[in-house]
Amino acid sequence: MKFIMSGSTIDIEKQVEAISKSLSDATNLIVKIRMLEPHETSREFWTNVYIYAIDPKTNTVVDMEDLQE
């Protein structure tokens, strides 16, 4: 799953653990950041954040449609 955050890739990289923890706490899943990449915009810094989640009960990767809900 991909979402876009405000900030440069370097700034977002410094927050990876906090972002993962916040998303994990909100979903009751183990959320990990797979990749960060710059998001192309005209003048502002944005970052594409790619994540995946693991269900701790089954130890399986969560389907992205389920994660989006």
N, C-alpha and C. Protein backbone atom coordinates (compact mmCIF):
# COMPACT_ATOMS: atom_id res chain seq x y z
N MET A 1 0.85 -1.16 0.00
CA MET A 1 0.00 0.00 0.00
C MET A 1 0.90 1.23 0.00
N LYS A 2 0.46 2.26 -0.68
CA LYS A 2 1.24 3.49 -0.77
C LYS A 2 0.41 4.65 -0.23
N PHE A 3 1.07 5.51 0.53
CA PHE A 3 0.48 6.79 0.87
C PHE A 3 1.56 7.84 0.78
N ILE A 4 1.14 9.09 0.75
CA ILE A 4 2.07 10.20 0.54
C ILE A 4 2.10 11.05 1.80
N MET A 5 3.33 11.35 2.25
CA MET A 5 3.51 12.20 3.42
C MET A 5 4.24 13.48 3.04
N SER A 6 3.92 14.54 3.75
CA SER A 6 4.60 15.81 3.56
C SER A 6 5.97 15.74 4.22
N GLY A 7 6.99 16.09 3.48
CA GLY A 7 8.35 16.09 3.99
C GLY A 7 9.29 15.41 3.03
N SER A 8 10.55 15.73 3.14
CA SER A 8 11.54 15.10 2.26
C SER A 8 11.74 13.64 2.67
N THR A 9 12.25 12.86 1.77
CA THR A 9 12.50 11.44 2.06
C THR A 9 13.46 11.29 3.23
N ILE A 10 14.45 12.16 3.32
CA ILE A 10 15.42 12.11 4.43
C ILE A 10 14.72 12.39 5.75
N ASP A 11 13.82 13.38 5.77
CA ASP A 11 13.09 13.70 7.00
C ASP A 11 12.15 12.56 7.41
N ILE A 12 11.47 11.97 6.44
CA ILE A 12 10.55 10.87 6.74
C ILE A 12 11.33 9.65 7.21
N GLU A 13 12.50 9.41 6.63
CA GLU A 13 13.33 8.27 7.03
C GLU A 13 13.68 8.33 8.52
N LYS A 14 13.86 9.52 9.04
CA LYS A 14 14.18 9.69 10.45
C LYS A 14 12.99 9.33 11.35
N GLN A 15 11.79 9.28 10.78
CA GLN A 15 10.57 9.03 11.55
C GLN A 15 9.97 7.65 11.31
N VAL A 16 10.68 6.79 10.60
CA VAL A 16 10.15 5.49 10.19
C VAL A 16 9.63 4.68 11.38
N GLU A 17 10.38 4.60 12.45
CA GLU A 17 9.94 3.80 13.59
C GLU A 17 8.66 4.36 14.22
N ALA A 18 8.59 5.67 14.37
CA ALA A 18 7.41 6.30 14.95
C ALA A 18 6.18 6.13 14.06
N ILE A 19 6.38 6.23 12.75
CA ILE A 19 5.28 6.04 11.81
C ILE A 19 4.78 4.60 11.88
N SER A 20 5.69 3.64 11.86
CA SER A 20 5.30 2.22 11.94
C SER A 20 4.56 1.94 13.24
N LYS A 21 5.07 2.48 14.34
CA LYS A 21 4.42 2.24 15.64
C LYS A 21 3.03 2.85 15.67
N SER A 22 2.87 4.06 15.18
CA SER A 22 1.55 4.71 15.16
C SER A 22 0.55 3.92 14.34
N LEU A 23 0.98 3.47 13.16
CA LEU A 23 0.09 2.69 12.30
C LEU A 23 -0.22 1.33 12.92
N SER A 24 0.77 0.72 13.55
CA SER A 24 0.55 -0.56 14.22
C SER A 24 -0.44 -0.41 15.37
N ASP A 25 -0.27 0.63 16.16
CA ASP A 25 -1.19 0.88 17.28
C ASP A 25 -2.61 1.12 16.79
N ALA A 26 -2.75 1.84 15.68
CA ALA A 26 -4.08 2.17 15.16
C ALA A 26 -4.79 0.97 14.53
N THR A 27 -4.02 0.01 14.02
CA THR A 27 -4.62 -1.11 13.29
C THR A 27 -4.58 -2.44 14.03
N ASN A 28 -3.83 -2.51 15.12
CA ASN A 28 -3.60 -3.77 15.84
C ASN A 28 -2.91 -4.81 14.95
N LEU A 29 -2.13 -4.32 14.00
CA LEU A 29 -1.34 -5.16 13.11
C LEU A 29 0.12 -4.74 13.26
N ILE A 30 1.02 -5.53 12.73
CA ILE A 30 2.43 -5.16 12.70
C ILE A 30 2.66 -4.48 11.35
N VAL A 31 2.81 -3.17 11.37
CA VAL A 31 2.96 -2.41 10.13
C VAL A 31 4.43 -2.07 9.94
N LYS A 32 4.92 -2.37 8.76
CA LYS A 32 6.32 -2.11 8.41
C LYS A 32 6.38 -1.23 7.16
N ILE A 33 7.38 -0.39 7.12
CA ILE A 33 7.60 0.43 5.94
C ILE A 33 8.56 -0.31 5.03
N ARG A 34 8.10 -0.55 3.81
CA ARG A 34 8.88 -1.31 2.84
C ARG A 34 9.84 -0.44 2.07
N MET A 35 9.38 0.80 1.73
CA MET A 35 10.21 1.65 0.89
C MET A 35 9.75 3.10 0.99
N LEU A 36 10.68 4.00 0.85
CA LEU A 36 10.42 5.42 0.75
C LEU A 36 10.99 5.91 -0.58
N GLU A 37 10.28 6.83 -1.23
CA GLU A 37 10.82 7.43 -2.44
C GLU A 37 10.28 8.84 -2.59
N PRO A 38 11.04 9.71 -3.21
CA PRO A 38 10.54 11.08 -3.41
C PRO A 38 9.28 11.07 -4.27
N HIS A 39 8.34 11.93 -3.93
CA HIS A 39 7.12 12.10 -4.71
C HIS A 39 7.31 13.33 -5.58
N GLU A 40 7.13 13.17 -6.85
CA GLU A 40 7.37 14.28 -7.77
C GLU A 40 6.26 15.31 -7.70
N THR A 41 6.60 16.52 -7.26
CA THR A 41 5.67 17.64 -7.26
C THR A 41 6.40 18.86 -7.79
N SER A 42 5.69 19.93 -7.94
CA SER A 42 6.31 21.11 -8.53
C SER A 42 7.32 21.79 -7.61
N ARG A 43 6.93 22.09 -6.34
CA ARG A 43 7.84 22.86 -5.50
C ARG A 43 7.98 22.31 -4.09
N GLU A 44 7.08 21.48 -3.65
CA GLU A 44 7.10 21.04 -2.27
C GLU A 44 7.75 19.67 -2.13
N PHE A 45 8.19 19.37 -0.91
CA PHE A 45 8.77 18.06 -0.62
C PHE A 45 7.69 17.12 -0.13
N TRP A 46 7.53 16.01 -0.80
CA TRP A 46 6.58 14.97 -0.42
C TRP A 46 7.31 13.64 -0.58
N THR A 47 6.85 12.64 0.15
CA THR A 47 7.47 11.33 0.08
C THR A 47 6.41 10.26 -0.08
N ASN A 48 6.64 9.35 -1.02
CA ASN A 48 5.80 8.16 -1.16
C ASN A 48 6.26 7.16 -0.11
N VAL A 49 5.32 6.66 0.68
CA VAL A 49 5.62 5.69 1.73
C VAL A 49 4.89 4.40 1.40
N TYR A 50 5.63 3.33 1.21
CA TYR A 50 5.05 2.02 0.89
C TYR A 50 5.10 1.15 2.14
N ILE A 51 3.95 0.60 2.52
CA ILE A 51 3.89 -0.19 3.74
C ILE A 51 3.28 -1.56 3.47
N TYR A 52 3.47 -2.45 4.41
CA TYR A 52 2.76 -3.72 4.44
C TYR A 52 2.46 -4.04 5.90
N ALA A 53 1.54 -4.95 6.12
CA ALA A 53 1.16 -5.27 7.49
C ALA A 53 1.10 -6.78 7.66
N ILE A 54 1.42 -7.20 8.88
CA ILE A 54 1.39 -8.61 9.24
C ILE A 54 0.38 -8.78 10.38
N ASP A 55 -0.48 -9.77 10.23
CA ASP A 55 -1.44 -10.09 11.29
C ASP A 55 -0.68 -10.88 12.35
N PRO A 56 -0.56 -10.34 13.57
CA PRO A 56 0.22 -11.04 14.60
C PRO A 56 -0.42 -12.36 15.06
N LYS A 57 -1.72 -12.51 14.84
CA LYS A 57 -2.40 -13.75 15.24
C LYS A 57 -2.08 -14.91 14.32
N THR A 58 -1.96 -14.60 13.02
CA THR A 58 -1.73 -15.66 12.03
C THR A 58 -0.33 -15.62 11.43
N ASN A 59 0.39 -14.54 11.70
CA ASN A 59 1.74 -14.33 11.14
C ASN A 59 1.73 -14.35 9.62
N THR A 60 0.68 -13.78 9.04
CA THR A 60 0.56 -13.70 7.59
C THR A 60 0.45 -12.24 7.16
N VAL A 61 0.85 -11.97 5.93
CA VAL A 61 0.75 -10.63 5.37
C VAL A 61 -0.73 -10.33 5.12
N VAL A 62 -1.15 -9.14 5.53
CA VAL A 62 -2.54 -8.72 5.38
C VAL A 62 -2.78 -8.26 3.95
N ASP A 63 -3.90 -8.66 3.40
CA ASP A 63 -4.29 -8.22 2.07
C ASP A 63 -4.45 -6.70 2.08
N MET A 64 -3.98 -6.03 1.07
CA MET A 64 -3.97 -4.58 1.04
C MET A 64 -5.38 -4.01 1.07
N GLU A 65 -6.35 -4.68 0.49
CA GLU A 65 -7.74 -4.19 0.56
C GLU A 65 -8.21 -4.17 2.01
N ASP A 66 -7.87 -5.19 2.76
CA ASP A 66 -8.24 -5.23 4.18
C ASP A 66 -7.53 -4.14 4.96
N LEU A 67 -6.29 -3.90 4.64
CA LEU A 67 -5.51 -2.87 5.33
C LEU A 67 -6.09 -1.48 5.08
N GLN A 68 -6.56 -1.25 3.88
CA GLN A 68 -7.11 0.06 3.55
C GLN A 68 -8.39 0.36 4.32
N GLU A 69 -9.10 -0.66 4.74
CA GLU A 69 -10.32 -0.45 5.52
C GLU A 69 -9.94 -0.03 6.90
